């Protein structure tokens, strides 16, 4: 029997599956609801000859990939940002997209993403939720600072607002009833987020420990335990990145532009890569600039020749390169070598 290849065009409530043989002949195609039992049932007659299944990496791919892998199928996660449709097509739909995934898999040209191990995925996503809460809390802090400055002509620091043991917000608020209410509501919400963030940090630290060579990450300027765990979990096996350039690109810390004959001819997809690693190294760069002398000196040299945004990105780029080499070679951080 000929080997078969399947492609899943996945949506929020349904999916389209297409199966072709090793010669490209269409064997089966059908629109199915996002129901594991119906999907497994539809594939069952073809299971013995199934060489591989391509699943589009949408926001909801976890359940489908886990279901198929649990049934013994070889699953490939397709990277949608790297897949190009034929420009001459007059018409394309879900049926075509599913067949195209199967066809690329058959030809060996499917751009693939990394299928993160299921047993670590939950902890990684819990840290992502922490980052979400931190961003929400930051927006509330900035809003509260504006309220206080606008109404009371007082500038209150971030740490004063975040403090749980002592309320330093209400005493500085003016007597206006509406301003007082806005301050109280903001402070209570900020404190709630702070407690939830700490709850997540405690849970994550109890579930996963930094392992060698990731233990060395905390020696990088600006990288503490939480950022080190974020980098470790978002990176996965560092061996999947052949070069430091591949890793830094995945961290979104390289320029995205197309040049021909010295002239700019457009730009690529700046969002290609891992936005959580981009955030982690950006956060590390900001902390390193504040508290590490060597990192601050490098930042100031870059800023004097360009601007603060370029300098910040250059420092984050440096830290990402250092992290890759440390994880790959299991070596200690050397500031003199990084900032020479």
Protein backbone atom coordinates (compact mmCIF):
# COMPACT_ATOMS: atom_id res chain seq x y z
CA UNK A 1 0.00 0.00 0.00
CA UNK A 2 1.10 3.56 -0.69
CA UNK A 3 2.06 5.85 2.13
CA UNK A 4 -0.46 8.53 3.01
CA UNK A 5 -0.07 12.13 4.16
CA UNK A 6 -2.71 14.24 5.91
CA UNK A 7 -3.15 17.95 6.49
CA UNK A 8 -5.41 19.70 9.01
CA UNK A 9 -6.60 23.25 8.41
CA UNK A 10 -7.65 24.08 11.97
CA UNK A 11 -10.19 26.71 13.08
CA UNK A 12 -11.83 27.64 16.37
CA UNK A 13 -14.86 25.35 16.06
CA UNK A 14 -14.08 23.06 13.12
CA UNK A 15 -11.29 21.77 10.93
CA UNK A 16 -10.78 20.48 7.41
CA UNK A 17 -8.76 17.32 6.89
CA UNK A 18 -7.29 16.21 3.57
CA UNK A 19 -5.38 12.99 2.84
CA UNK A 20 -3.21 12.32 -0.22
CA UNK A 21 -1.01 9.39 -1.22
CA UNK A 22 2.70 9.42 -2.03
CA UNK A 23 1.90 10.26 -5.63
CA UNK A 24 -0.19 13.28 -4.70
CA UNK A 25 -3.54 11.64 -5.45
CA UNK A 26 -6.42 12.84 -3.30
CA UNK A 27 -7.70 10.05 -1.07
CA UNK A 28 -9.99 11.74 1.43
CA UNK A 29 -11.19 15.20 2.44
CA UNK A 30 -13.86 16.30 4.88
CA UNK A 31 -14.89 19.13 7.15
CA UNK A 32 -15.12 17.95 10.76
CA UNK A 33 -16.13 19.53 14.07
CA UNK A 34 -13.42 20.00 16.68
CA UNK A 35 -14.32 16.73 18.35
CA UNK A 36 -11.45 14.31 19.10
CA UNK A 37 -13.61 11.21 18.71
CA UNK A 38 -14.91 12.18 15.27
CA UNK A 39 -11.40 13.09 14.07
CA UNK A 40 -9.90 9.81 15.28
CA UNK A 41 -12.79 7.92 13.70
CA UNK A 42 -12.30 9.66 10.33
CA UNK A 43 -8.58 8.81 10.30
CA UNK A 44 -8.91 5.21 11.54
CA UNK A 45 -9.35 3.56 8.08
CA UNK A 46 -6.09 5.16 6.91
CA UNK A 47 -4.02 4.78 10.07
CA UNK A 48 -1.85 1.82 9.00
CA UNK A 49 -0.52 3.68 5.96
CA UNK A 50 -0.30 7.17 7.47
CA UNK A 51 3.28 8.43 7.15
CA UNK A 52 2.61 11.79 8.77
CA UNK A 53 0.06 14.45 9.63
CA UNK A 54 0.59 18.20 9.26
CA UNK A 55 -1.37 20.41 11.68
CA UNK A 56 -1.50 24.15 11.21
CA UNK A 57 -0.02 25.98 14.21
CA UNK A 58 -3.00 28.08 15.21
CA UNK A 59 -3.71 29.42 18.70
CA UNK A 60 -5.64 26.24 19.60
CA UNK A 61 -3.43 23.44 18.28
CA UNK A 62 -2.63 21.80 21.66
CA UNK A 63 -5.64 19.49 21.90
CA UNK A 64 -5.47 18.25 18.31
CA UNK A 65 -1.74 17.51 18.34
CA UNK A 66 -2.00 15.79 21.73
CA UNK A 67 -4.94 13.68 20.53
CA UNK A 68 -3.16 12.55 17.37
CA UNK A 69 0.15 11.82 19.11
CA UNK A 70 -1.65 9.82 21.80
CA UNK A 71 -3.08 7.63 19.01
CA UNK A 72 0.39 6.97 17.61
CA UNK A 73 0.40 9.30 14.62
CA UNK A 74 3.55 11.14 13.58
CA UNK A 75 2.54 14.79 13.79
CA UNK A 76 4.25 17.81 12.21
CA UNK A 77 3.37 21.32 13.38
CA UNK A 78 3.21 23.64 10.35
CA UNK A 79 4.52 27.19 10.73
CA UNK A 80 1.89 29.41 9.03
CA UNK A 81 4.13 32.50 8.84
CA UNK A 82 6.62 30.60 6.67
CA UNK A 83 4.05 29.04 4.31
CA UNK A 84 3.48 30.77 0.98
CA UNK A 85 0.45 30.29 -1.22
CA UNK A 86 0.80 30.18 -4.98
CA UNK A 87 0.17 33.77 -6.13
CA UNK A 88 -1.59 32.76 -9.32
CA UNK A 89 -4.52 31.10 -7.57
CA UNK A 90 -7.95 32.45 -8.38
CA UNK A 91 -9.65 30.64 -5.54
CA UNK A 92 -8.50 29.16 -2.23
CA UNK A 93 -10.48 27.68 0.63
CA UNK A 94 -10.12 25.35 3.60
CA UNK A 95 -10.06 22.29 1.34
CA UNK A 96 -7.17 23.70 -0.66
CA UNK A 97 -5.28 24.78 2.49
CA UNK A 98 -5.55 21.30 4.03
CA UNK A 99 -4.37 19.64 0.80
CA UNK A 100 -1.48 22.10 0.52
CA UNK A 101 -0.31 21.20 4.04
CA UNK A 102 -0.41 17.51 3.13
CA UNK A 103 1.37 18.20 -0.17
CA UNK A 104 4.22 20.11 1.48
CA UNK A 105 4.62 17.30 3.99
CA UNK A 106 4.74 14.76 1.15
CA UNK A 107 7.40 16.79 -0.71
CA UNK A 108 9.47 17.35 2.44
CA UNK A 109 9.23 21.14 2.25
CA UNK A 110 6.83 21.81 5.15
CA UNK A 111 8.09 24.68 7.37
CA UNK A 112 7.78 23.16 10.82
CA UNK A 113 7.40 24.56 14.30
CA UNK A 114 8.49 22.97 17.56
CA UNK A 115 6.01 20.76 19.39
CA UNK A 116 6.64 21.65 23.00
CA UNK A 117 6.48 18.65 25.39
CA UNK A 118 3.04 18.34 26.95
CA UNK A 119 4.33 17.77 30.50
CA UNK A 120 6.11 21.16 30.57
CA UNK A 121 3.61 23.14 28.53
CA UNK A 122 1.36 23.94 31.49
CA UNK A 123 4.17 25.49 33.57
CA UNK A 124 5.36 27.52 30.61
CA UNK A 125 1.87 28.84 29.98
CA UNK A 126 1.48 29.64 33.68
CA UNK A 127 4.53 31.90 33.42
CA UNK A 128 2.97 33.47 30.35
CA UNK A 129 -0.12 34.22 32.44
CA UNK A 130 2.13 35.87 35.00
CA UNK A 131 3.50 38.13 32.27
CA UNK A 132 -0.06 38.99 31.24
CA UNK A 133 -0.92 40.01 34.81
CA UNK A 134 2.28 42.05 35.11
CA UNK A 135 1.34 44.02 31.99
CA UNK A 136 -2.17 44.65 33.34
CA UNK A 137 -0.76 45.77 36.68
CA UNK A 138 1.71 48.08 34.98
CA UNK A 139 -1.06 49.79 33.01
CA UNK A 140 -3.00 50.35 36.26
CA UNK A 141 0.08 51.73 38.03
CA UNK A 142 0.74 54.22 35.22
CA UNK A 143 -2.91 55.26 35.23
CA UNK A 144 -2.87 55.79 39.02
CA UNK A 145 0.35 57.81 38.80
CA UNK A 146 -1.32 60.07 36.25
CA UNK A 147 -4.37 60.50 38.47
CA UNK A 148 -2.23 61.50 41.47
CA UNK A 149 0.02 63.84 39.48
CA UNK A 150 -2.88 65.46 37.65
CA UNK A 151 -5.06 65.96 40.72
CA UNK A 152 -2.58 66.42 43.57
CA UNK A 153 0.69 67.56 41.92
CA UNK A 154 2.54 64.66 43.59
CA UNK A 155 4.70 62.05 41.89
CA UNK A 156 4.45 58.65 43.59
CA UNK A 157 6.99 55.95 42.77
CA UNK A 158 6.11 52.53 41.37
CA UNK A 159 7.41 50.67 44.44
CA UNK A 160 5.35 52.89 46.73
CA UNK A 161 2.22 52.03 44.77
CA UNK A 162 2.96 48.28 44.66
CA UNK A 163 3.73 48.02 48.38
CA UNK A 164 1.33 45.57 50.06
CA UNK A 165 2.13 46.08 53.74
CA UNK A 166 1.55 49.82 53.79
CA UNK A 167 -0.91 52.00 51.88
CA UNK A 168 0.98 55.01 50.56
CA UNK A 169 -1.63 55.96 47.95
CA UNK A 170 -4.66 57.14 49.92
CA UNK A 171 -2.72 59.52 52.21
CA UNK A 172 -1.51 61.57 49.22
CA UNK A 173 -4.85 61.72 47.40
CA UNK A 174 -6.73 64.99 47.43
CA UNK A 175 -10.06 65.39 49.25
CA UNK A 176 -12.12 65.12 46.06
CA UNK A 177 -14.54 62.22 46.47
CA UNK A 178 -14.22 61.00 42.89
CA UNK A 179 -10.41 61.14 42.98
CA UNK A 180 -10.40 59.22 46.24
CA UNK A 181 -12.60 56.50 44.76
CA UNK A 182 -10.46 56.23 41.62
CA UNK A 183 -7.36 55.89 43.79
CA UNK A 184 -8.90 53.29 46.11
CA UNK A 185 -10.22 51.15 43.25
CA UNK A 186 -6.90 51.32 41.42
CA UNK A 187 -4.88 50.46 44.53
CA UNK A 188 -7.12 47.52 45.44
CA UNK A 189 -6.89 46.12 41.91
CA UNK A 190 -3.10 46.57 41.81
CA UNK A 191 -2.77 44.76 45.15
CA UNK A 192 -4.97 41.93 43.86
CA UNK A 193 -2.77 41.50 40.80
CA UNK A 194 0.37 41.59 42.97
CA UNK A 195 -0.95 38.76 45.13
CA UNK A 196 -1.89 36.68 42.09
CA UNK A 197 1.52 37.27 40.51
CA UNK A 198 3.25 36.09 43.67
CA UNK A 199 0.93 33.09 43.83
CA UNK A 200 1.95 32.07 40.31
CA UNK A 201 5.65 32.60 41.06
CA UNK A 202 5.41 30.37 44.13
CA UNK A 203 3.58 27.67 42.18
CA UNK A 204 6.08 27.72 39.31
CA UNK A 205 9.07 27.59 41.64
CA UNK A 206 7.51 24.57 43.33
CA UNK A 207 6.93 22.72 40.06
CA UNK A 208 10.14 23.32 38.13
CA UNK A 209 13.76 23.97 38.96
CA UNK A 210 16.48 25.46 36.82
CA UNK A 211 18.59 22.63 35.45
CA UNK A 212 22.10 22.66 34.05
CA UNK A 213 23.07 24.46 31.87
CA UNK A 214 20.19 26.89 32.55
CA UNK A 215 21.35 27.39 36.14
CA UNK A 216 24.02 29.73 34.83
CA UNK A 217 21.44 32.12 33.38
CA UNK A 218 20.95 33.88 36.72
CA UNK A 219 24.53 35.18 36.48
CA UNK A 220 23.58 37.30 33.44
CA UNK A 221 23.05 40.95 34.42
CA UNK A 222 19.34 41.68 34.78
CA UNK A 223 18.29 38.01 34.86
CA UNK A 224 16.75 36.71 38.06
CA UNK A 225 15.08 33.40 38.85
CA UNK A 226 11.77 34.17 37.11
CA UNK A 227 13.40 35.51 33.93
CA UNK A 228 15.80 32.55 33.91
CA UNK A 229 12.89 30.10 34.13
CA UNK A 230 11.07 32.01 31.39
CA UNK A 231 14.13 31.79 29.12
CA UNK A 232 14.61 28.10 29.90
CA UNK A 233 10.97 27.14 29.29
CA UNK A 234 10.51 29.28 26.18
CA UNK A 235 13.80 28.14 24.64
CA UNK A 236 13.35 24.43 25.21
CA UNK A 237 16.29 22.29 24.01
CA UNK A 238 18.87 24.82 22.86
CA UNK A 239 20.14 22.22 20.38
CA UNK A 240 17.19 23.02 18.12
CA UNK A 241 18.94 26.29 17.20
CA UNK A 242 21.97 25.48 15.00
CA UNK A 243 23.64 28.89 15.42
CA UNK A 244 23.54 31.88 17.74
CA UNK A 245 22.04 33.89 14.88
CA UNK A 246 19.10 31.49 14.66
CA UNK A 247 18.45 31.86 18.38
CA UNK A 248 18.73 35.65 18.45
CA UNK A 249 16.39 35.86 15.45
CA UNK A 250 13.90 33.62 17.30
CA UNK A 251 14.13 36.08 20.20
CA UNK A 252 13.21 38.94 17.80
CA UNK A 253 16.49 40.71 18.50
CA UNK A 254 17.72 41.17 14.93
CA UNK A 255 16.83 43.70 12.27
CA UNK A 256 14.17 42.82 9.71
CA UNK A 257 14.90 44.42 6.35
CA UNK A 258 15.63 43.45 2.76
CA UNK A 259 18.56 45.11 0.98
CA UNK A 260 19.64 44.87 -2.66
CA UNK A 261 22.62 46.72 -4.12
CA UNK A 262 22.86 48.79 -0.97
CA UNK A 263 19.23 49.94 -1.19
CA UNK A 264 16.40 49.02 1.13
CA UNK A 265 13.80 46.91 -0.69
CA UNK A 266 11.28 46.39 2.08
CA UNK A 267 11.24 44.48 5.33
CA UNK A 268 10.38 41.06 6.64
CA UNK A 269 8.06 39.89 9.39
CA UNK A 270 9.28 41.57 12.58
CA UNK A 271 6.91 39.44 14.65
CA UNK A 272 8.41 36.15 13.49
CA UNK A 273 9.80 34.45 16.58
CA UNK A 274 8.94 34.12 20.24
CA UNK A 275 7.44 37.25 21.78
CA UNK A 276 7.92 35.94 25.32
CA UNK A 277 11.67 35.58 24.81
CA UNK A 278 11.67 39.03 23.21
CA UNK A 279 10.05 40.40 26.37
CA UNK A 280 12.41 38.47 28.69
CA UNK A 281 15.59 39.81 27.12
CA UNK A 282 14.12 43.30 26.83
CA UNK A 283 13.31 43.21 30.54
CA UNK A 284 16.78 41.89 31.33
CA UNK A 285 18.38 44.67 29.27
CA UNK A 286 16.48 47.35 31.18
CA UNK A 287 17.45 45.88 34.57
CA UNK A 288 21.07 45.40 33.46
CA UNK A 289 21.25 49.02 32.30
CA UNK A 290 20.11 50.19 35.72
CA UNK A 291 22.15 47.96 38.00
CA UNK A 292 25.23 46.63 36.13
CA UNK A 293 28.17 48.95 35.43
CA UNK A 294 29.50 47.10 32.36
CA UNK A 295 26.05 46.85 30.77
CA UNK A 296 25.36 50.52 31.51
CA UNK A 297 28.66 51.58 29.92
CA UNK A 298 27.83 49.57 26.77
CA UNK A 299 24.35 51.08 26.65
CA UNK A 300 25.70 54.63 27.00
CA UNK A 301 28.24 54.10 24.21
CA UNK A 302 25.50 52.92 21.87
CA UNK A 303 23.10 55.68 22.92
CA UNK A 304 25.71 58.38 22.25
CA UNK A 305 25.99 57.19 18.63
CA UNK A 306 22.26 56.61 17.94
CA UNK A 307 19.35 56.82 20.38
CA UNK A 308 18.12 55.10 23.52
CA UNK A 309 15.88 52.62 21.66
CA UNK A 310 18.72 51.39 19.46
CA UNK A 311 20.96 51.15 22.53
CA UNK A 312 18.33 49.16 24.44
CA UNK A 313 17.85 46.73 21.54
CA UNK A 314 21.62 46.33 21.14
CA UNK A 315 21.99 45.47 24.83
CA UNK A 316 19.11 42.97 24.67
CA UNK A 317 20.73 41.44 21.57
CA UNK A 318 24.01 41.04 23.47
CA UNK A 319 22.31 39.35 26.42
CA UNK A 320 20.43 36.95 24.12
CA UNK A 321 23.72 35.95 22.43
CA UNK A 322 25.33 35.42 25.82
CA UNK A 323 22.42 33.28 27.02
CA UNK A 324 22.61 31.07 23.95
CA UNK A 325 26.35 30.43 24.33
CA UNK A 326 25.97 29.74 28.05
CA UNK A 327 23.12 27.28 27.48
CA UNK A 328 24.84 25.58 24.55
CA UNK A 329 28.31 25.24 26.09
CA UNK A 330 27.38 25.23 29.81
CA UNK A 331 29.84 28.04 30.56
CA UNK A 332 29.78 30.95 32.99
CA UNK A 333 28.90 34.52 32.07
CA UNK A 334 31.91 36.72 31.25
CA UNK A 335 31.16 40.45 31.10
CA UNK A 336 34.62 41.30 29.76
CA UNK A 337 34.10 39.05 26.74
CA UNK A 338 30.52 40.17 26.08
CA UNK A 339 31.05 43.95 26.29
CA UNK A 340 34.54 44.20 24.81
